[in-house]
């Protein structure tokens, strides 16, 4: 689980430093964990159930769904942070991209 900490910390830093931004950063991290833990399917209601059951969070349903649909999640910053987590994305000077249409 150490690698998750290395990945989630930069993603949390992509959020603003206000109290609400810090709260969103924590919720975002927990939501990512809920998506990748094979507890149940990743539809929103099951993610909320996972957050409550596995992490012991007591999240109000309305606040959770508002967060999930929020336009305040800094996707641009998150994608930049994820890109910078890749140590060397080039192979022989070229960017390798794999597509899967499964």
PDB file of N, CA and C in Angstrom:
ATOM      1  N   UNK A   1       0.814  -1.200   0.000  1.00  0.00           N
ATOM      2  CA  UNK A   1       0.000   0.000   0.000  1.00  0.00           C
ATOM      3  C   UNK A   1       0.857   1.264   0.000  1.00  0.00           C
ATOM      4  N   UNK A   2       2.178   1.127   0.117  1.00  0.00           N
ATOM      5  CA  UNK A   2       3.030   2.310   0.121  1.00  0.00           C
ATOM      6  C   UNK A   2       2.966   3.046  -1.205  1.00  0.00           C
ATOM      7  N   UNK A   3       2.829   2.299  -2.308  1.00  0.00           N
ATOM      8  CA  UNK A   3       2.764   2.945  -3.609  1.00  0.00           C
ATOM      9  C   UNK A   3       1.514   3.815  -3.718  1.00  0.00           C
ATOM     10  N   UNK A   4       0.427   3.400  -3.082  1.00  0.00           N
ATOM     11  CA  UNK A   4      -0.790   4.215  -3.097  1.00  0.00           C
ATOM     12  C   UNK A   4      -0.555   5.547  -2.412  1.00  0.00           C
ATOM     13  N   UNK A   5       0.183   5.540  -1.320  1.00  0.00           N
ATOM     14  CA  UNK A   5       0.507   6.788  -0.637  1.00  0.00           C
ATOM     15  C   UNK A   5       1.326   7.693  -1.553  1.00  0.00           C
ATOM     16  N   UNK A   6       2.275   7.114  -2.279  1.00  0.00           N
ATOM     17  CA  UNK A   6       3.099   7.891  -3.207  1.00  0.00           C
ATOM     18  C   UNK A   6       2.272   8.482  -4.337  1.00  0.00           C
ATOM     19  N   UNK A   7       1.211   7.804  -4.713  1.00  0.00           N
ATOM     20  CA  UNK A   7       0.353   8.288  -5.793  1.00  0.00           C
ATOM     21  C   UNK A   7      -0.691   9.274  -5.275  1.00  0.00           C
ATOM     22  N   UNK A   8      -1.303   8.969  -4.135  1.00  0.00           N
ATOM     23  CA  UNK A   8      -2.417   9.784  -3.650  1.00  0.00           C
ATOM     24  C   UNK A   8      -1.981  11.139  -3.098  1.00  0.00           C
ATOM     25  N   UNK A   9      -0.805  11.226  -2.497  1.00  0.00           N
ATOM     26  CA  UNK A   9      -0.349  12.511  -1.937  1.00  0.00           C
ATOM     27  C   UNK A   9      -0.260  13.597  -3.009  1.00  0.00           C
ATOM     28  N   UNK A  10       0.402  13.346  -4.160  1.00  0.00           N
ATOM     29  CA  UNK A  10       0.429  14.385  -5.195  1.00  0.00           C
ATOM     30  C   UNK A  10      -0.962  14.733  -5.722  1.00  0.00           C
ATOM     31  N   UNK A  11      -1.856  13.752  -5.769  1.00  0.00           N
ATOM     32  CA  UNK A  11      -3.217  14.038  -6.224  1.00  0.00           C
ATOM     33  C   UNK A  11      -3.943  14.921  -5.220  1.00  0.00           C
ATOM     34  N   UNK A  12      -3.729  14.674  -3.929  1.00  0.00           N
ATOM     35  CA  UNK A  12      -4.338  15.527  -2.910  1.00  0.00           C
ATOM     36  C   UNK A  12      -3.795  16.946  -3.002  1.00  0.00           C
ATOM     37  N   UNK A  13      -2.518  17.079  -3.343  1.00  0.00           N
ATOM     38  CA  UNK A  13      -1.911  18.403  -3.445  1.00  0.00           C
ATOM     39  C   UNK A  13      -2.445  19.201  -4.622  1.00  0.00           C
ATOM     40  N   UNK A  14      -3.122  18.551  -5.566  1.00  0.00           N
ATOM     41  CA  UNK A  14      -3.696  19.243  -6.713  1.00  0.00           C
ATOM     42  C   UNK A  14      -4.922  20.063  -6.320  1.00  0.00           C
ATOM     43  N   UNK A  15      -5.498  19.790  -5.158  1.00  0.00           N
ATOM     44  CA  UNK A  15      -6.661  20.532  -4.677  1.00  0.00           C
ATOM     45  C   UNK A  15      -6.210  21.806  -3.978  1.00  0.00           C
ATOM     46  N   UNK A  16      -7.122  22.754  -3.842  1.00  0.00           N
ATOM     47  CA  UNK A  16      -6.779  24.015  -3.175  1.00  0.00           C
ATOM     48  C   UNK A  16      -6.475  23.773  -1.706  1.00  0.00           C
ATOM     49  N   UNK A  17      -5.815  24.728  -1.084  1.00  0.00           N
ATOM     50  CA  UNK A  17      -5.389  24.569   0.312  1.00  0.00           C
ATOM     51  C   UNK A  17      -6.424  25.087   1.307  1.00  0.00           C
ATOM     52  N   UNK A  18      -7.612  25.444   0.834  1.00  0.00           N
ATOM     53  CA  UNK A  18      -8.670  25.870   1.747  1.00  0.00           C
ATOM     54  C   UNK A  18      -9.198  24.656   2.509  1.00  0.00           C
ATOM     55  N   UNK A  19      -9.974  24.910   3.546  1.00  0.00           N
ATOM     56  CA  UNK A  19     -10.560  23.794   4.302  1.00  0.00           C
ATOM     57  C   UNK A  19     -11.421  22.906   3.404  1.00  0.00           C
ATOM     58  N   UNK A  20     -12.225  23.531   2.552  1.00  0.00           N
ATOM     59  CA  UNK A  20     -13.078  22.765   1.641  1.00  0.00           C
ATOM     60  C   UNK A  20     -12.225  22.009   0.617  1.00  0.00           C
ATOM     61  N   UNK A  21     -11.165  22.632   0.139  1.00  0.00           N
ATOM     62  CA  UNK A  21     -10.262  21.966  -0.795  1.00  0.00           C
ATOM     63  C   UNK A  21      -9.586  20.760  -0.170  1.00  0.00           C
ATOM     64  N   UNK A  22      -9.169  20.879   1.082  1.00  0.00           N
ATOM     65  CA  UNK A  22      -8.557  19.751   1.797  1.00  0.00           C
ATOM     66  C   UNK A  22      -9.570  18.622   1.985  1.00  0.00           C
ATOM     67  N   UNK A  23     -10.816  19.003   2.310  1.00  0.00           N
ATOM     68  CA  UNK A  23     -11.861  17.987   2.471  1.00  0.00           C
ATOM     69  C   UNK A  23     -12.099  17.259   1.148  1.00  0.00           C
ATOM     70  N   UNK A  24     -12.177  18.017   0.052  1.00  0.00           N
ATOM     71  CA  UNK A  24     -12.365  17.400  -1.260  1.00  0.00           C
ATOM     72  C   UNK A  24     -11.195  16.484  -1.608  1.00  0.00           C
ATOM     73  N   UNK A  25      -9.989  16.891  -1.246  1.00  0.00           N
ATOM     74  CA  UNK A  25      -8.800  16.075  -1.527  1.00  0.00           C
ATOM     75  C   UNK A  25      -8.878  14.736  -0.808  1.00  0.00           C
ATOM     76  N   UNK A  26      -9.302  14.763   0.453  1.00  0.00           N
ATOM     77  CA  UNK A  26      -9.429  13.512   1.206  1.00  0.00           C
ATOM     78  C   UNK A  26     -10.537  12.633   0.630  1.00  0.00           C
ATOM     79  N   UNK A  27     -11.670  13.233   0.328  1.00  0.00           N
ATOM     80  CA  UNK A  27     -12.770  12.462  -0.252  1.00  0.00           C
ATOM     81  C   UNK A  27     -12.351  11.864  -1.587  1.00  0.00           C
ATOM     82  N   UNK A  28     -11.626  12.637  -2.391  1.00  0.00           N
ATOM     83  CA  UNK A  28     -11.172  12.143  -3.688  1.00  0.00           C
ATOM     84  C   UNK A  28     -10.270  10.924  -3.503  1.00  0.00           C
ATOM     85  N   UNK A  29      -9.358  10.995  -2.552  1.00  0.00           N
ATOM     86  CA  UNK A  29      -8.454   9.869  -2.285  1.00  0.00           C
ATOM     87  C   UNK A  29      -9.226   8.638  -1.837  1.00  0.00           C
ATOM     88  N   UNK A  30     -10.167   8.837  -0.932  1.00  0.00           N
ATOM     89  CA  UNK A  30     -10.970   7.705  -0.478  1.00  0.00           C
ATOM     90  C   UNK A  30     -11.803   7.129  -1.626  1.00  0.00           C
ATOM     91  N   UNK A  31     -12.332   7.996  -2.492  1.00  0.00           N
ATOM     92  CA  UNK A  31     -13.117   7.507  -3.629  1.00  0.00           C
ATOM     93  C   UNK A  31     -12.241   6.684  -4.570  1.00  0.00           C
ATOM     94  N   UNK A  32     -11.009   7.130  -4.822  1.00  0.00           N
ATOM     95  CA  UNK A  32     -10.084   6.362  -5.666  1.00  0.00           C
ATOM     96  C   UNK A  32      -9.833   4.990  -5.051  1.00  0.00           C
ATOM     97  N   UNK A  33      -9.589   4.964  -3.745  1.00  0.00           N
ATOM     98  CA  UNK A  33      -9.374   3.682  -3.068  1.00  0.00           C
ATOM     99  C   UNK A  33     -10.610   2.793  -3.170  1.00  0.00           C
ATOM    100  N   UNK A  34     -11.787   3.395  -3.015  1.00  0.00           N
ATOM    101  CA  UNK A  34     -13.029   2.617  -3.104  1.00  0.00           C
ATOM    102  C   UNK A  34     -13.219   2.048  -4.508  1.00  0.00           C
ATOM    103  N   UNK A  35     -12.778   2.785  -5.531  1.00  0.00           N
ATOM    104  CA  UNK A  35     -12.883   2.283  -6.900  1.00  0.00           C
ATOM    105  C   UNK A  35     -11.983   1.081  -7.135  1.00  0.00           C
ATOM    106  N   UNK A  36     -10.781   1.085  -6.550  1.00  0.00           N
ATOM    107  CA  UNK A  36      -9.827   0.025  -6.873  1.00  0.00           C
ATOM    108  C   UNK A  36      -9.900  -1.178  -5.945  1.00  0.00           C
ATOM    109  N   UNK A  37     -10.544  -1.037  -4.794  1.00  0.00           N
ATOM    110  CA  UNK A  37     -10.697  -2.184  -3.895  1.00  0.00           C
ATOM    111  C   UNK A  37     -11.828  -3.060  -4.433  1.00  0.00           C
ATOM    112  N   UNK A  38     -11.584  -4.344  -4.623  1.00  0.00           N
ATOM    113  CA  UNK A  38     -12.615  -5.213  -5.210  1.00  0.00           C
ATOM    114  C   UNK A  38     -13.713  -5.562  -4.205  1.00  0.00           C
ATOM    115  N   UNK A  39     -14.376  -4.553  -3.687  1.00  0.00           N
ATOM    116  CA  UNK A  39     -15.437  -4.724  -2.699  1.00  0.00           C
ATOM    117  C   UNK A  39     -16.767  -4.932  -3.401  1.00  0.00           C
ATOM    118  N   UNK A  40     -16.996  -4.175  -4.450  1.00  0.00           N
ATOM    119  CA  UNK A  40     -18.246  -4.221  -5.198  1.00  0.00           C
ATOM    120  C   UNK A  40     -18.050  -3.432  -6.484  1.00  0.00           C
ATOM    121  N   UNK A  41     -19.062  -3.329  -7.311  1.00  0.00           N
ATOM    122  CA  UNK A  41     -18.924  -2.544  -8.541  1.00  0.00           C
ATOM    123  C   UNK A  41     -18.766  -1.065  -8.189  1.00  0.00           C
ATOM    124  N   UNK A  42     -18.266  -0.300  -9.135  1.00  0.00           N
ATOM    125  CA  UNK A  42     -17.905   1.085  -8.856  1.00  0.00           C
ATOM    126  C   UNK A  42     -18.998   2.095  -9.183  1.00  0.00           C
ATOM    127  N   UNK A  43     -20.246   1.710  -9.103  1.00  0.00           N
ATOM    128  CA  UNK A  43     -21.282   2.720  -9.264  1.00  0.00           C
ATOM    129  C   UNK A  43     -21.335   3.540  -7.980  1.00  0.00           C
ATOM    130  N   UNK A  44     -21.834   4.743  -8.073  1.00  0.00           N
ATOM    131  CA  UNK A  44     -21.740   5.700  -6.962  1.00  0.00           C
ATOM    132  C   UNK A  44     -22.302   5.187  -5.646  1.00  0.00           C
ATOM    133  N   UNK A  45     -23.459   4.531  -5.687  1.00  0.00           N
ATOM    134  CA  UNK A  45     -24.052   4.061  -4.432  1.00  0.00           C
ATOM    135  C   UNK A  45     -23.163   3.021  -3.762  1.00  0.00           C
ATOM    136  N   UNK A  46     -22.527   2.171  -4.560  1.00  0.00           N
ATOM    137  CA  UNK A  46     -21.629   1.168  -3.989  1.00  0.00           C
ATOM    138  C   UNK A  46     -20.330   1.781  -3.488  1.00  0.00           C
ATOM    139  N   UNK A  47     -19.854   2.832  -4.155  1.00  0.00           N
ATOM    140  CA  UNK A  47     -18.661   3.536  -3.675  1.00  0.00           C
ATOM    141  C   UNK A  47     -18.968   4.166  -2.322  1.00  0.00           C
ATOM    142  N   UNK A  48     -20.131   4.786  -2.177  1.00  0.00           N
ATOM    143  CA  UNK A  48     -20.524   5.367  -0.890  1.00  0.00           C
ATOM    144  C   UNK A  48     -20.608   4.285   0.177  1.00  0.00           C
ATOM    145  N   UNK A  49     -21.189   3.150  -0.152  1.00  0.00           N
ATOM    146  CA  UNK A  49     -21.279   2.039   0.796  1.00  0.00           C
ATOM    147  C   UNK A  49     -19.879   1.558   1.195  1.00  0.00           C
ATOM    148  N   UNK A  50     -18.985   1.481   0.234  1.00  0.00           N
ATOM    149  CA  UNK A  50     -17.603   1.068   0.497  1.00  0.00           C
ATOM    150  C   UNK A  50     -16.908   2.068   1.419  1.00  0.00           C
ATOM    151  N   UNK A  51     -17.097   3.347   1.171  1.00  0.00           N
ATOM    152  CA  UNK A  51     -16.476   4.371   2.021  1.00  0.00           C
ATOM    153  C   UNK A  51     -16.975   4.261   3.454  1.00  0.00           C
ATOM    154  N   UNK A  52     -18.261   4.022   3.601  1.00  0.00           N
ATOM    155  CA  UNK A  52     -18.830   3.902   4.944  1.00  0.00           C
ATOM    156  C   UNK A  52     -18.402   2.611   5.630  1.00  0.00           C
ATOM    157  N   UNK A  53     -18.409   1.502   4.892  1.00  0.00           N
ATOM    158  CA  UNK A  53     -18.124   0.192   5.483  1.00  0.00           C
ATOM    159  C   UNK A  53     -16.640  -0.040   5.712  1.00  0.00           C
ATOM    160  N   UNK A  54     -15.836   0.145   4.680  1.00  0.00           N
ATOM    161  CA  UNK A  54     -14.414  -0.183   4.776  1.00  0.00           C
ATOM    162  C   UNK A  54     -13.583   0.877   5.485  1.00  0.00           C
ATOM    163  N   UNK A  55     -13.933   2.147   5.269  1.00  0.00           N
ATOM    164  CA  UNK A  55     -13.123   3.221   5.833  1.00  0.00           C
ATOM    165  C   UNK A  55     -13.755   3.864   7.062  1.00  0.00           C
ATOM    166  N   UNK A  56     -14.978   3.454   7.392  1.00  0.00           N
ATOM    167  CA  UNK A  56     -15.631   3.978   8.585  1.00  0.00           C
ATOM    168  C   UNK A  56     -16.007   5.444   8.490  1.00  0.00           C
ATOM    169  N   UNK A  57     -16.141   5.951   7.278  1.00  0.00           N
ATOM    170  CA  UNK A  57     -16.520   7.349   7.107  1.00  0.00           C
ATOM    171  C   UNK A  57     -18.030   7.485   7.233  1.00  0.00           C
ATOM    172  N   UNK A  58     -18.455   8.555   7.811  1.00  0.00           N
ATOM    173  CA  UNK A  58     -19.877   8.836   7.930  1.00  0.00           C
ATOM    174  C   UNK A  58     -20.183  10.024   7.026  1.00  0.00           C
ATOM    175  N   UNK A  59     -20.440   9.732   5.758  1.00  0.00           N
ATOM    176  CA  UNK A  59     -20.639  10.776   4.760  1.00  0.00           C
ATOM    177  C   UNK A  59     -22.122  10.892   4.450  1.00  0.00           C
ATOM    178  N   UNK A  60     -22.626  12.107   4.539  1.00  0.00           N
ATOM    179  CA  UNK A  60     -24.002  12.396   4.186  1.00  0.00           C
ATOM    180  C   UNK A  60     -24.197  12.113   2.690  1.00  0.00           C
ATOM    181  N   UNK A  61     -25.277  11.397   2.344  1.00  0.00           N
ATOM    182  CA  UNK A  61     -25.519  11.017   0.947  1.00  0.00           C
ATOM    183  C   UNK A  61     -25.558  12.227   0.017  1.00  0.00           C
ATOM    184  N   UNK A  62     -26.268  13.258   0.436  1.00  0.00           N
ATOM    185  CA  UNK A  62     -26.401  14.440  -0.418  1.00  0.00           C
ATOM    186  C   UNK A  62     -25.042  15.084  -0.677  1.00  0.00           C
ATOM    187  N   UNK A  63     -24.220  15.207   0.373  1.00  0.00           N
ATOM    188  CA  UNK A  63     -22.889  15.802   0.209  1.00  0.00           C
ATOM    189  C   UNK A  63     -22.013  14.932  -0.680  1.00  0.00           C
ATOM    190  N   UNK A  64     -22.124  13.615  -0.532  1.00  0.00           N
ATOM    191  CA  UNK A  64     -21.319  12.713  -1.354  1.00  0.00           C
ATOM    192  C   UNK A  64     -21.679  12.848  -2.830  1.00  0.00           C
ATOM    193  N   UNK A  65     -22.973  12.795  -3.155  1.00  0.00           N
ATOM    194  CA  UNK A  65     -23.374  12.879  -4.554  1.00  0.00           C
ATOM    195  C   UNK A  65     -23.089  14.262  -5.130  1.00  0.00           C
ATOM    196  N   UNK A  66     -23.187  15.297  -4.307  1.00  0.00           N
ATOM    197  CA  UNK A  66     -22.807  16.636  -4.755  1.00  0.00           C
ATOM    198  C   UNK A  66     -21.322  16.673  -5.077  1.00  0.00           C
ATOM    199  N   UNK A  67     -20.517  16.052  -4.219  1.00  0.00           N
ATOM    200  CA  UNK A  67     -19.075  15.988  -4.468  1.00  0.00           C
ATOM    201  C   UNK A  67     -18.774  15.225  -5.757  1.00  0.00           C
ATOM    202  N   UNK A  68     -19.415  14.077  -5.956  1.00  0.00           N
ATOM    203  CA  UNK A  68     -19.144  13.253  -7.135  1.00  0.00           C
ATOM    204  C   UNK A  68     -19.522  13.979  -8.433  1.00  0.00           C
ATOM    205  N   UNK A  69     -20.523  14.847  -8.373  1.00  0.00           N
ATOM    206  CA  UNK A  69     -20.961  15.579  -9.562  1.00  0.00           C
ATOM    207  C   UNK A  69     -20.369  16.981  -9.633  1.00  0.00           C
ATOM    208  N   UNK A  70     -19.463  17.293  -8.736  1.00  0.00           N
ATOM    209  CA  UNK A  70     -18.926  18.646  -8.621  1.00  0.00           C
ATOM    210  C   UNK A  70     -18.069  19.043  -9.818  1.00  0.00           C
ATOM    211  N   UNK A  71     -18.211  20.296 -10.200  1.00  0.00           N
ATOM    212  CA  UNK A  71     -17.315  20.841 -11.218  1.00  0.00           C
ATOM    213  C   UNK A  71     -16.107  21.504 -10.560  1.00  0.00           C
ATOM    214  N   UNK A  72     -15.980  21.354  -9.256  1.00  0.00           N
ATOM    215  CA  UNK A  72     -14.868  21.933  -8.498  1.00  0.00           C
ATOM    216  C   UNK A  72     -13.677  20.985  -8.377  1.00  0.00           C
ATOM    217  N   UNK A  73     -13.801  19.759  -8.863  1.00  0.00           N
ATOM    218  CA  UNK A  73     -12.667  18.832  -8.829  1.00  0.00           C
ATOM    219  C   UNK A  73     -11.668  19.310  -9.880  1.00  0.00           C
ATOM    220  N   UNK A  74     -10.433  19.587  -9.483  1.00  0.00           N
ATOM    221  CA  UNK A  74      -9.450  20.187 -10.404  1.00  0.00           C
ATOM    222  C   UNK A  74      -8.840  19.158 -11.360  1.00  0.00           C
ATOM    223  N   UNK A  75      -9.643  18.713 -12.327  1.00  0.00           N
ATOM    224  CA  UNK A  75      -9.188  17.643 -13.216  1.00  0.00           C
ATOM    225  C   UNK A  75      -7.908  18.002 -13.950  1.00  0.00           C
ATOM    226  N   UNK A  76      -7.765  19.250 -14.387  1.00  0.00           N
ATOM    227  CA  UNK A  76      -6.551  19.659 -15.100  1.00  0.00           C
ATOM    228  C   UNK A  76      -5.318  19.450 -14.224  1.00  0.00           C
ATOM    229  N   UNK A  77      -5.393  19.876 -12.968  1.00  0.00           N
ATOM    230  CA  UNK A  77      -4.270  19.701 -12.038  1.00  0.00           C
ATOM    231  C   UNK A  77      -4.029  18.225 -11.727  1.00  0.00           C
ATOM    232  N   UNK A  78      -5.109  17.458 -11.612  1.00  0.00           N
ATOM    233  CA  UNK A  78      -4.967  16.032 -11.316  1.00  0.00           C
ATOM    234  C   UNK A  78      -4.281  15.293 -12.461  1.00  0.00           C
ATOM    235  N   UNK A  79      -4.667  15.606 -13.707  1.00  0.00           N
ATOM    236  CA  UNK A  79      -4.023  14.951 -14.848  1.00  0.00           C
ATOM    237  C   UNK A  79      -2.547  15.333 -14.921  1.00  0.00           C
ATOM    238  N   UNK A  80      -2.242  16.604 -14.643  1.00  0.00           N
ATOM    239  CA  UNK A  80      -0.836  17.035 -14.642  1.00  0.00           C
ATOM    240  C   UNK A  80      -0.054  16.303 -13.556  1.00  0.00           C
ATOM    241  N   UNK A  81      -0.649  16.159 -12.381  1.00  0.00           N
ATOM    242  CA  UNK A  81       0.021  15.448 -11.280  1.00  0.00           C
ATOM    243  C   UNK A  81       0.254  13.985 -11.645  1.00  0.00           C
ATOM    244  N   UNK A  82      -0.753  13.344 -12.251  1.00  0.00           N
ATOM    245  CA  UNK A  82      -0.590  11.948 -12.677  1.00  0.00           C
ATOM    246  C   UNK A  82       0.511  11.808 -13.724  1.00  0.00           C
ATOM    247  N   UNK A  83       0.546  12.732 -14.669  1.00  0.00           N
ATOM    248  CA  UNK A  83       1.552  12.673 -15.721  1.00  0.00           C
ATOM    249  C   UNK A  83       2.953  12.794 -15.122  1.00  0.00           C
ATOM    250  N   UNK A  84       3.108  13.668 -14.118  1.00  0.00           N
ATOM    251  CA  UNK A  84       4.421  13.865 -13.495  1.00  0.00           C
ATOM    252  C   UNK A  84       4.828  12.680 -12.620  1.00  0.00           C
ATOM    253  N   UNK A  85       3.879  11.816 -12.264  1.00  0.00           N
ATOM    254  CA  UNK A  85       4.210  10.627 -11.480  1.00  0.00           C
ATOM    255  C   UNK A  85       4.864   9.536 -12.331  1.00  0.00           C
ATOM    256  N   UNK A  86       4.727   9.641 -13.647  1.00  0.00           N
ATOM    257  CA  UNK A  86       5.364   8.674 -14.542  1.00  0.00           C
ATOM    258  C   UNK A  86       6.836   9.078 -14.651  1.00  0.00           C
ATOM    259  N   UNK A  87       7.750   8.216 -14.214  1.00  0.00           N
ATOM    260  CA  UNK A  87       9.160   8.608 -14.161  1.00  0.00           C
ATOM    261  C   UNK A  87       9.748   8.985 -15.520  1.00  0.00           C
ATOM    262  N   UNK A  88       9.517   8.203 -16.544  1.00  0.00           N
ATOM    263  CA  UNK A  88      10.032   8.495 -17.872  1.00  0.00           C
ATOM    264  C   UNK A  88       9.056   7.918 -18.887  1.00  0.00           C
ATOM    265  N   UNK A  89       8.145   8.755 -19.397  1.00  0.00           N
ATOM    266  CA  UNK A  89       7.104   8.228 -20.278  1.00  0.00           C
ATOM    267  C   UNK A  89       7.593   7.895 -21.687  1.00  0.00           C
ATOM    268  N   UNK A  90       8.844   8.241 -22.015  1.00  0.00           N
ATOM    269  CA  UNK A  90       9.341   8.007 -23.365  1.00  0.00           C
ATOM    270  C   UNK A  90      10.128   6.704 -23.451  1.00  0.00           C
ATOM    271  N   UNK A  91      10.042   6.071 -24.596  1.00  0.00           N
ATOM    272  CA  UNK A  91      10.822   4.871 -24.884  1.00  0.00           C
ATOM    273  C   UNK A  91      11.593   5.141 -26.175  1.00  0.00           C
ATOM    274  N   UNK A  92      12.905   5.210 -26.076  1.00  0.00           N
ATOM    275  CA  UNK A  92      13.749   5.583 -27.223  1.00  0.00           C
ATOM    276  C   UNK A  92      13.304   6.910 -27.825  1.00  0.00           C
ATOM    277  N   UNK A  93      12.943   7.854 -26.963  1.00  0.00           N
ATOM    278  CA  UNK A  93      12.551   9.181 -27.418  1.00  0.00           C
ATOM    279  C   UNK A  93      11.138   9.284 -27.942  1.00  0.00           C
ATOM    280  N   UNK A  94      10.382   8.202 -27.879  1.00  0.00           N
ATOM    281  CA  UNK A  94       9.004   8.211 -28.378  1.00  0.00           C
ATOM    282  C   UNK A  94       8.041   7.883 -27.255  1.00  0.00           C
ATOM    283  N   UNK A  95       6.868   8.459 -27.345  1.00  0.00           N
ATOM    284  CA  UNK A  95       5.814   8.180 -26.377  1.00  0.00           C
ATOM    285  C   UNK A  95       5.050   6.947 -26.839  1.00  0.00           C
ATOM    286  N   UNK A  96       5.013   5.937 -25.982  1.00  0.00           N
ATOM    287  CA  UNK A  96       4.312   4.699 -26.309  1.00  0.00           C
ATOM    288  C   UNK A  96       2.901   4.763 -25.715  1.00  0.00           C
ATOM    289  N   UNK A  97       1.908   4.522 -26.547  1.00  0.00           N
ATOM    290  CA  UNK A  97       0.516   4.544 -26.101  1.00  0.00           C
ATOM    291  C   UNK A  97      -0.120   3.207 -26.457  1.00  0.00           C
ATOM    292  N   UNK A  98      -0.804   2.616 -25.503  1.00  0.00           N
ATOM    293  CA  UNK A  98      -1.514   1.359 -25.740  1.00  0.00           C
ATOM    294  C   UNK A  98      -3.011   1.620 -25.665  1.00  0.00           C
ATOM    295  N   UNK A  99      -3.731   1.158 -26.636  1.00  0.00           N
ATOM    296  CA  UNK A  99      -5.181   1.308 -26.664  1.00  0.00           C
ATOM    297  C   UNK A  99      -5.820  -0.067 -26.543  1.00  0.00           C
ATOM    298  N   UNK A 100      -6.915  -0.112 -25.818  1.00  0.00           N
ATOM    299  CA  UNK A 100      -7.623  -1.370 -25.641  1.00  0.00           C
ATOM    300  C   UNK A 100      -9.101  -1.104 -25.860  1.00  0.00           C
ATOM    301  N   UNK A 101      -9.684  -1.735 -26.833  1.00  0.00           N
ATOM    302  CA  UNK A 101     -11.105  -1.515 -27.122  1.00  0.00           C
ATOM    303  C   UNK A 101     -11.977  -2.624 -26.563  1.00  0.00           C
ATOM    304  N   UNK A 102     -11.449  -3.362 -25.595  1.00  0.00           N
ATOM    305  CA  UNK A 102     -12.186  -4.474 -25.018  1.00  0.00           C
ATOM    306  C   UNK A 102     -13.481  -3.994 -24.455  1.00  0.00           C
TER     307      UNK A 102
END
